[in-house]
């Protein structure tokens, strides 16, 4: 028999779920789930007023020590190679980040499809990743979870670094003491239980990421925690002979065991291997100007927004419905995705093809309304390697990562259970 207290709790949970559903449904039609993380999940959705596809990252507030930092970072960053935040919504239980949906998949998926990238292809992609992280480091932000899954591509091949769920702000020279990230990309100092420089940890992770891109598998692979630790601390990994001398030199610098000897990202951008690559065309910044674009304001007026409210939202960087709609329209204009109807009486772009059925868990779609707040999107894709969060004591409650088909259980020298896929690579194949 269910007690009255349990019944009351169930009713409250159902009420919260219904309220959250209405909050999203007022402005977004949720299509399906596209990602699952330690503290939430990501859904693909359509912005009802513009028909734009967006990603909605749903963050659970309970037991999430990083939520404030992630929201703060996403509100502050603005770089063409970092996924763009549009709108933030908040309820008692959750925070919704509505962000751009690049649409081209993640880098891991691309590498697995082609086995490994040729240097001519890897160079421009890696340059964009480094450019984004150089911007973050200059802004006092450490990512702490750089990996192939957290690098998205749009349909034009432009890089979008995403998922700042473990990101943090750091002062110059400040040392951190929380061991977090994804185990195969851990720097040596994390295995040594030392305080560390968050920027130097990112540099090591970029070295692992670049190695995976051009070789096709992880530089350090082992079946136990202790063996992996020994490999990483040795800093020795095999670089295949097809890698050019310039790239070998860059990989060696990035994967330097001593963090003090690792290069800064400014130095990485000046490395001969990256300098010889043809730079990609600069992308326009989407930061709202002091004077909003008049054509977008006209469109928003047509949609029912008060122009002054839009300007106030942009000036105050409120990330509310007005700011979110403005940023979505600005992105559509930059991508020339407005369609011929924009120049006529009806200024809305045509609807894109629906990629999937509507998510039944968010089936309620309310009538279009301008007054309801819009979601602020934050995109991240499903992870192949689970992250580690928490203190250096490696508490059992943290998630366990997997490396090359080997499941890792946290704990020093603990043997790890093999997964269904063998860690060794079949002849002619590469696996990350």
Protein backbone atom coordinates (compact mmCIF):
# COMPACT_ATOMS: atom_id res chain seq x y z
CA UNK A 1 0.00 0.00 0.00
CA UNK A 2 1.40 3.42 -1.01
CA UNK A 3 1.70 5.93 1.83
CA UNK A 4 0.21 9.40 1.60
CA UNK A 5 3.71 10.90 1.61
CA UNK A 6 4.77 8.81 -1.39
CA UNK A 7 1.58 9.73 -3.23
CA UNK A 8 2.21 13.43 -2.56
CA UNK A 9 5.80 13.15 -3.81
CA UNK A 10 4.64 11.38 -6.97
CA UNK A 11 2.08 14.09 -7.65
CA UNK A 12 4.71 16.80 -7.15
CA UNK A 13 7.14 15.06 -9.53
CA UNK A 14 4.39 14.67 -12.13
CA UNK A 15 3.48 18.34 -11.74
CA UNK A 16 7.10 19.41 -12.21
CA UNK A 17 7.42 17.22 -15.31
CA UNK A 18 4.24 18.67 -16.80
CA UNK A 19 5.39 22.21 -16.01
CA UNK A 20 8.76 21.59 -17.68
CA UNK A 21 7.03 20.08 -20.70
CA UNK A 22 4.86 23.16 -21.06
CA UNK A 23 7.89 25.41 -20.69
CA UNK A 24 9.60 23.73 -23.64
CA UNK A 25 6.44 23.17 -25.66
CA UNK A 26 5.59 26.86 -25.65
CA UNK A 27 8.42 27.58 -28.07
CA UNK A 28 10.06 24.31 -29.09
CA UNK A 29 8.94 21.03 -30.53
CA UNK A 30 11.23 18.33 -29.15
CA UNK A 31 12.06 15.69 -31.76
CA UNK A 32 14.33 13.16 -30.08
CA UNK A 33 17.16 12.61 -27.62
CA UNK A 34 20.62 12.92 -29.18
CA UNK A 35 22.92 12.77 -26.16
CA UNK A 36 23.22 11.52 -22.60
CA UNK A 37 25.67 12.80 -20.00
CA UNK A 38 26.46 12.48 -16.32
CA UNK A 39 24.20 15.35 -15.26
CA UNK A 40 21.60 15.55 -18.02
CA UNK A 41 20.73 14.85 -21.60
CA UNK A 42 20.46 16.67 -24.93
CA UNK A 43 17.43 16.79 -27.19
CA UNK A 44 17.06 17.87 -30.78
CA UNK A 45 14.23 20.37 -31.10
CA UNK A 46 12.66 22.80 -33.53
CA UNK A 47 12.20 26.47 -32.67
CA UNK A 48 8.55 27.00 -33.58
CA UNK A 49 8.77 30.65 -34.63
CA UNK A 50 11.67 30.17 -37.08
CA UNK A 51 11.61 26.41 -37.83
CA UNK A 52 15.31 26.33 -36.91
CA UNK A 53 16.74 23.12 -35.45
CA UNK A 54 18.36 23.61 -32.05
CA UNK A 55 19.88 21.42 -29.37
CA UNK A 56 18.41 21.61 -25.88
CA UNK A 57 20.69 20.49 -23.07
CA UNK A 58 18.64 19.53 -20.03
CA UNK A 59 20.69 19.84 -16.84
CA UNK A 60 19.49 18.32 -13.60
CA UNK A 61 20.24 20.58 -10.65
CA UNK A 62 20.39 17.79 -8.10
CA UNK A 63 23.92 16.57 -7.32
CA UNK A 64 25.42 18.65 -10.12
CA UNK A 65 28.35 20.70 -8.74
CA UNK A 66 29.28 22.04 -12.20
CA UNK A 67 25.96 23.48 -13.36
CA UNK A 68 26.60 27.09 -12.32
CA UNK A 69 30.02 27.09 -13.98
CA UNK A 70 28.72 25.60 -17.23
CA UNK A 71 25.90 28.13 -17.57
CA UNK A 72 28.23 31.01 -16.74
CA UNK A 73 30.82 29.89 -19.31
CA UNK A 74 28.27 29.32 -22.05
CA UNK A 75 26.80 32.79 -21.52
CA UNK A 76 30.21 34.41 -21.82
CA UNK A 77 31.92 32.63 -24.73
CA UNK A 78 31.53 33.89 -28.28
CA UNK A 79 33.76 32.35 -30.93
CA UNK A 80 32.94 30.97 -34.39
CA UNK A 81 34.42 27.59 -33.39
CA UNK A 82 32.54 27.27 -30.08
CA UNK A 83 28.94 26.10 -30.07
CA UNK A 84 26.61 29.08 -29.66
CA UNK A 85 24.22 29.55 -26.76
CA UNK A 86 20.86 31.09 -27.63
CA UNK A 87 18.63 30.94 -24.60
CA UNK A 88 18.48 29.76 -20.97
CA UNK A 89 15.38 28.56 -19.13
CA UNK A 90 15.23 27.42 -15.53
CA UNK A 91 12.76 25.55 -13.34
CA UNK A 92 12.97 24.31 -9.77
CA UNK A 93 14.58 21.04 -10.85
CA UNK A 94 16.34 21.77 -14.14
CA UNK A 95 18.16 24.25 -16.34
CA UNK A 96 17.58 24.18 -20.11
CA UNK A 97 20.31 25.44 -22.41
CA UNK A 98 19.16 26.01 -25.98
CA UNK A 99 22.07 26.12 -28.41
CA UNK A 100 22.88 25.88 -32.07
CA UNK A 101 22.67 22.46 -33.67
CA UNK A 102 25.64 22.14 -36.06
CA UNK A 103 24.11 19.16 -37.88
CA UNK A 104 27.31 17.56 -39.18
CA UNK A 105 27.93 15.05 -36.38
CA UNK A 106 30.93 14.80 -34.09
CA UNK A 107 34.59 14.31 -34.95
CA UNK A 108 34.68 10.78 -33.52
CA UNK A 109 31.99 9.65 -35.95
CA UNK A 110 33.87 11.21 -38.84
CA UNK A 111 37.20 9.63 -37.89
CA UNK A 112 35.60 6.21 -37.50
CA UNK A 113 34.03 6.51 -40.95
CA UNK A 114 37.35 7.23 -42.68
CA UNK A 115 39.58 5.25 -40.24
CA UNK A 116 41.97 8.19 -39.97
CA UNK A 117 42.30 11.69 -41.41
CA UNK A 118 44.95 12.65 -43.91
CA UNK A 119 47.18 15.43 -42.65
CA UNK A 120 45.82 17.83 -45.27
CA UNK A 121 42.34 17.32 -43.83
CA UNK A 122 43.33 17.12 -40.18
CA UNK A 123 45.35 20.35 -40.22
CA UNK A 124 42.52 22.85 -40.89
CA UNK A 125 40.21 21.01 -38.49
CA UNK A 126 42.79 20.95 -35.71
CA UNK A 127 43.63 24.61 -36.32
CA UNK A 128 40.00 25.53 -35.66
CA UNK A 129 39.95 23.45 -32.46
CA UNK A 130 43.12 25.12 -31.22
CA UNK A 131 41.76 28.54 -32.20
CA UNK A 132 38.65 27.94 -30.10
CA UNK A 133 40.66 26.72 -27.11
CA UNK A 134 43.18 29.55 -27.42
CA UNK A 135 40.24 31.95 -27.17
CA UNK A 136 38.96 30.10 -24.09
CA UNK A 137 42.36 30.10 -22.41
CA UNK A 138 42.79 33.81 -23.14
CA UNK A 139 39.36 34.28 -21.51
CA UNK A 140 40.46 32.37 -18.38
CA UNK A 141 38.52 29.18 -19.16
CA UNK A 142 39.76 25.59 -19.01
CA UNK A 143 37.62 22.97 -20.78
CA UNK A 144 38.98 19.85 -18.98
CA UNK A 145 37.11 17.38 -21.20
CA UNK A 146 38.49 17.80 -24.71
CA UNK A 147 37.93 14.71 -26.86
CA UNK A 148 36.64 13.75 -30.29
CA UNK A 149 33.02 13.53 -29.13
CA UNK A 150 33.14 17.14 -27.89
CA UNK A 151 34.15 18.51 -31.28
CA UNK A 152 31.14 18.97 -33.56
CA UNK A 153 31.06 19.85 -37.24
CA UNK A 154 28.42 21.84 -39.05
CA UNK A 155 27.23 20.98 -42.55
CA UNK A 156 30.01 23.15 -44.01
CA UNK A 157 32.75 21.44 -42.04
CA UNK A 158 33.22 24.26 -39.52
CA UNK A 159 34.37 23.06 -36.10
CA UNK A 160 32.22 23.69 -33.02
CA UNK A 161 33.78 22.82 -29.66
CA UNK A 162 31.04 21.90 -27.20
CA UNK A 163 30.17 20.55 -23.74
CA UNK A 164 31.72 22.79 -21.10
CA UNK A 165 30.10 20.67 -18.39
CA UNK A 166 33.46 20.23 -16.65
CA UNK A 167 34.78 23.63 -17.66
CA UNK A 168 35.97 26.10 -15.07
CA UNK A 169 37.34 29.61 -14.83
CA UNK A 170 40.98 29.86 -13.81
CA UNK A 171 43.28 32.72 -12.99
CA UNK A 172 46.78 32.92 -14.45
CA UNK A 173 48.97 30.56 -12.43
CA UNK A 174 46.04 29.12 -10.46
CA UNK A 175 46.17 25.39 -9.75
CA UNK A 176 43.18 23.08 -9.64
CA UNK A 177 42.69 19.99 -7.49
CA UNK A 178 39.57 18.26 -8.86
CA UNK A 179 40.40 15.26 -11.04
CA UNK A 180 37.86 15.18 -13.84
CA UNK A 181 37.59 14.50 -17.53
CA UNK A 182 37.72 11.39 -19.71
CA UNK A 183 40.32 8.82 -18.72
CA UNK A 184 41.99 8.16 -22.12
CA UNK A 185 42.62 11.91 -22.43
CA UNK A 186 43.97 12.42 -18.89
CA UNK A 187 47.28 14.24 -18.52
CA UNK A 188 50.08 12.64 -16.43
CA UNK A 189 49.60 15.04 -13.54
CA UNK A 190 46.06 13.75 -13.03
CA UNK A 191 47.37 10.19 -12.66
CA UNK A 192 49.95 11.49 -10.16
CA UNK A 193 47.21 13.00 -7.95
CA UNK A 194 48.83 16.41 -8.22
CA UNK A 195 47.32 19.86 -8.36
CA UNK A 196 47.41 20.98 -11.98
CA UNK A 197 47.18 23.83 -14.46
CA UNK A 198 43.85 23.47 -16.29
CA UNK A 199 45.26 24.98 -19.47
CA UNK A 200 48.19 22.54 -19.56
CA UNK A 201 45.77 19.64 -19.10
CA UNK A 202 43.82 20.90 -22.13
CA UNK A 203 47.05 20.99 -24.17
CA UNK A 204 47.76 17.32 -23.36
CA UNK A 205 44.19 16.38 -24.29
CA UNK A 206 44.63 18.17 -27.61
CA UNK A 207 47.68 16.01 -28.23
CA UNK A 208 45.67 12.84 -27.62
CA UNK A 209 42.89 14.20 -29.83
CA UNK A 210 45.28 15.04 -32.69
CA UNK A 211 46.93 11.61 -32.43
CA UNK A 212 43.49 9.96 -32.73
CA UNK A 213 42.66 12.09 -35.76
CA UNK A 214 45.73 11.18 -37.81
CA UNK A 215 46.52 7.68 -36.49
CA UNK A 216 43.02 6.34 -35.90
CA UNK A 217 43.32 5.05 -32.35
CA UNK A 218 44.37 6.19 -28.88
CA UNK A 219 48.06 6.73 -28.13
CA UNK A 220 47.81 5.10 -24.68
CA UNK A 221 45.79 1.90 -24.33
CA UNK A 222 45.82 -0.66 -21.53
CA UNK A 223 43.58 -3.16 -19.77
CA UNK A 224 44.16 -1.95 -16.23
CA UNK A 225 44.32 1.37 -14.46
CA UNK A 226 47.90 0.74 -13.35
CA UNK A 227 49.13 -0.18 -16.82
CA UNK A 228 47.48 2.85 -18.37
CA UNK A 229 48.98 5.07 -15.68
CA UNK A 230 52.42 3.63 -16.40
CA UNK A 231 52.05 4.22 -20.13
CA UNK A 232 50.92 7.83 -19.72
CA UNK A 233 53.61 8.68 -17.16
CA UNK A 234 56.27 7.28 -19.49
CA UNK A 235 55.02 9.58 -22.25
CA UNK A 236 56.08 7.01 -24.85
CA UNK A 237 53.69 6.15 -27.64
CA UNK A 238 54.32 4.80 -31.10
CA UNK A 239 54.00 7.33 -33.91
CA UNK A 240 53.54 5.53 -37.25
CA UNK A 241 56.12 6.23 -39.96
CA UNK A 242 53.53 7.75 -42.33
CA UNK A 243 53.27 10.80 -40.04
CA UNK A 244 55.31 13.73 -41.38
CA UNK A 245 58.33 14.96 -39.37
CA UNK A 246 56.59 18.28 -38.66
CA UNK A 247 53.51 16.57 -37.24
CA UNK A 248 55.64 14.12 -35.25
CA UNK A 249 57.34 17.12 -33.67
CA UNK A 250 54.02 18.75 -32.77
CA UNK A 251 52.65 15.54 -31.25
CA UNK A 252 55.82 15.15 -29.20
CA UNK A 253 55.46 18.68 -27.85
CA UNK A 254 51.79 18.31 -26.99
CA UNK A 255 52.34 14.93 -25.28
CA UNK A 256 55.16 16.15 -23.05
CA UNK A 257 54.95 14.60 -19.58
CA UNK A 258 56.28 17.70 -17.81
CA UNK A 259 53.43 20.26 -18.00
CA UNK A 260 55.89 23.15 -17.69
CA UNK A 261 57.46 22.12 -20.99
CA UNK A 262 54.21 21.82 -22.92
CA UNK A 263 53.61 24.67 -25.37
CA UNK A 264 50.97 27.31 -25.00
CA UNK A 265 48.22 27.30 -27.57
CA UNK A 266 49.61 30.50 -29.05
CA UNK A 267 52.83 28.60 -29.68
CA UNK A 268 50.86 25.67 -31.13
CA UNK A 269 49.14 27.98 -33.62
CA UNK A 270 52.60 29.13 -34.74
CA UNK A 271 53.95 25.60 -35.20
CA UNK A 272 55.31 24.87 -38.72
CA UNK A 273 52.86 22.01 -39.26
CA UNK A 274 49.87 24.31 -38.73
CA UNK A 275 51.43 27.28 -40.49
CA UNK A 276 51.77 25.31 -43.71
CA UNK A 277 48.08 24.45 -43.71
CA UNK A 278 45.80 26.69 -45.72
CA UNK A 279 43.80 28.71 -43.18
CA UNK A 280 40.05 28.37 -43.22
CA UNK A 281 37.89 31.35 -44.13
CA UNK A 282 37.06 33.48 -41.09
CA UNK A 283 33.53 33.08 -39.85
CA UNK A 284 31.44 36.08 -38.80
CA UNK A 285 30.93 36.65 -35.11
CA UNK A 286 27.34 36.42 -33.95
CA UNK A 287 27.75 38.62 -30.90
CA UNK A 288 24.79 41.03 -30.81
CA UNK A 289 26.11 44.49 -31.76
CA UNK A 290 25.34 47.59 -29.76
CA UNK A 291 22.88 48.48 -32.51
CA UNK A 292 20.87 45.35 -33.41
CA UNK A 293 20.44 44.49 -37.07
CA UNK A 294 17.46 46.46 -38.39
CA UNK A 295 16.31 43.68 -40.72
CA UNK A 296 16.18 41.17 -37.87
CA UNK A 297 14.34 43.65 -35.67
CA UNK A 298 11.74 44.03 -38.44
CA UNK A 299 11.32 40.25 -38.57
CA UNK A 300 10.93 40.07 -34.80
CA UNK A 301 8.39 42.87 -34.87
CA UNK A 302 6.45 40.83 -37.40
CA UNK A 303 6.63 37.90 -34.98
CA UNK A 304 5.08 40.04 -32.24
CA UNK A 305 8.13 41.20 -30.27
CA UNK A 306 8.47 44.76 -29.02
CA UNK A 307 11.66 46.23 -30.59
CA UNK A 308 12.66 47.94 -27.34
CA UNK A 309 12.32 44.70 -25.40
CA UNK A 310 14.57 43.00 -27.94
CA UNK A 311 17.21 45.72 -27.64
CA UNK A 312 17.06 45.60 -23.83
CA UNK A 313 17.47 41.82 -23.86
CA UNK A 314 20.53 42.04 -26.11
CA UNK A 315 22.10 44.89 -24.14
CA UNK A 316 21.58 43.07 -20.84
CA UNK A 317 22.53 39.65 -22.29
CA UNK A 318 19.52 38.13 -20.57
CA UNK A 319 19.38 35.03 -22.83
CA UNK A 320 15.60 35.13 -22.66
CA UNK A 321 13.11 34.36 -25.43
CA UNK A 322 13.71 37.65 -27.23
CA UNK A 323 17.50 37.28 -27.23
CA UNK A 324 17.25 33.61 -28.22
CA UNK A 325 15.01 34.35 -31.19
CA UNK A 326 17.28 37.21 -32.30
CA UNK A 327 20.38 34.99 -32.16
CA UNK A 328 18.64 32.19 -34.07
CA UNK A 329 17.56 34.62 -36.81
CA UNK A 330 21.06 36.11 -36.89
CA UNK A 331 22.56 32.67 -37.35
CA UNK A 332 20.09 31.86 -40.13
CA UNK A 333 20.98 35.08 -41.90
CA UNK A 334 24.73 34.40 -41.57
CA UNK A 335 24.16 30.94 -43.03
CA UNK A 336 21.99 32.40 -45.83
CA UNK A 337 19.19 30.12 -44.68
CA UNK A 338 16.39 32.64 -44.68
CA UNK A 339 14.90 31.56 -47.98
CA UNK A 340 13.18 33.69 -50.65
CA UNK A 341 10.23 34.44 -48.39
CA UNK A 342 12.46 36.67 -46.27
CA UNK A 343 12.42 39.33 -48.95
CA UNK A 344 8.68 39.34 -49.29
CA UNK A 345 5.85 39.93 -46.97
CA UNK A 346 6.41 36.74 -44.97
CA UNK A 347 9.94 37.00 -43.53
CA UNK A 348 10.28 33.49 -42.11
CA UNK A 349 12.56 30.78 -43.50
CA UNK A 350 11.00 27.61 -44.85
CA UNK A 351 10.90 24.57 -42.54
CA UNK A 352 13.80 22.10 -42.80
CA UNK A 353 13.07 18.40 -43.30
CA UNK A 354 12.12 16.70 -40.05
CA UNK A 355 15.00 14.37 -39.09
CA UNK A 356 13.04 12.11 -36.76
CA UNK A 357 9.71 11.48 -35.05
CA UNK A 358 8.66 13.67 -32.17
CA UNK A 359 9.97 12.55 -28.81
CA UNK A 360 6.89 11.07 -27.09
CA UNK A 361 8.14 12.17 -23.68
CA UNK A 362 7.76 15.80 -24.79
CA UNK A 363 4.74 15.44 -27.03
CA UNK A 364 2.87 18.52 -25.85
CA UNK A 365 3.15 21.37 -28.34
CA UNK A 366 1.42 24.54 -27.23
CA UNK A 367 0.37 27.31 -29.60
CA UNK A 368 3.12 29.67 -30.68
CA UNK A 369 3.56 32.46 -28.20
CA UNK A 370 5.99 35.33 -27.99
CA UNK A 371 5.67 35.92 -24.28
CA UNK A 372 6.85 32.45 -23.20
CA UNK A 373 10.58 32.09 -22.54
CA UNK A 374 12.70 30.17 -25.03
CA UNK A 375 15.30 27.49 -24.27
CA UNK A 376 18.95 28.29 -24.42
CA UNK A 377 20.67 25.48 -26.39
CA UNK A 378 23.83 23.74 -25.37
CA UNK A 379 24.90 20.91 -27.57
CA UNK A 380 26.88 17.82 -26.81
CA UNK A 381 26.67 14.43 -28.51
CA UNK A 382 26.64 10.92 -27.02
CA UNK A 383 29.98 10.07 -25.42
CA UNK A 384 31.90 6.90 -26.23
CA UNK A 385 34.12 7.45 -23.21
CA UNK A 386 32.33 8.35 -19.99
CA UNK A 387 33.71 11.18 -17.92
CA UNK A 388 35.19 11.19 -14.47
CA UNK A 389 34.02 13.91 -12.12
CA UNK A 390 34.78 14.60 -8.50
CA UNK A 391 37.73 14.67 -6.16
CA UNK A 392 41.03 12.87 -6.46
CA UNK A 393 39.85 10.20 -4.08
CA UNK A 394 38.02 8.59 -7.03
CA UNK A 395 34.73 7.96 -5.29
CA UNK A 396 32.74 4.95 -6.44
CA UNK A 397 29.75 7.08 -7.37
CA UNK A 398 31.54 8.58 -10.36
CA UNK A 399 30.97 7.19 -13.83
CA UNK A 400 33.44 4.72 -15.33
CA UNK A 401 35.07 5.49 -18.68
CA UNK A 402 35.80 3.05 -21.47
CA UNK A 403 38.90 2.95 -23.62
CA UNK A 404 39.11 1.15 -26.95
CA UNK A 405 36.52 -1.39 -25.97
CA UNK A 406 37.85 -1.91 -22.43
CA UNK A 407 35.59 -0.91 -19.56
CA UNK A 408 37.44 0.96 -16.84
CA UNK A 409 36.43 0.73 -13.19
CA UNK A 410 37.95 3.46 -11.08
CA UNK A 411 40.46 2.30 -8.53
CA UNK A 412 44.24 2.00 -8.44
CA UNK A 413 45.64 -1.25 -9.88
CA UNK A 414 42.15 -2.70 -10.22
CA UNK A 415 41.76 -5.13 -13.09
CA UNK A 416 39.22 -4.00 -15.62
CA UNK A 417 36.56 -6.08 -17.26
CA UNK A 418 36.88 -6.36 -21.06
CA UNK A 419 33.88 -5.20 -23.03
CA UNK A 420 32.42 -6.90 -26.09
CA UNK A 421 34.95 -5.27 -28.43
CA UNK A 422 38.56 -6.35 -28.20
CA UNK A 423 41.04 -3.52 -27.56
CA UNK A 424 43.46 -4.82 -30.17
CA UNK A 425 42.89 -3.54 -33.71
CA UNK A 426 42.15 -5.95 -36.56
CA UNK A 427 44.46 -5.68 -39.54
CA UNK A 428 43.52 -2.79 -41.76
CA UNK A 429 41.18 -1.20 -39.26
CA UNK A 430 41.49 1.58 -36.73
CA UNK A 431 39.36 2.25 -33.72
CA UNK A 432 39.24 5.14 -31.29
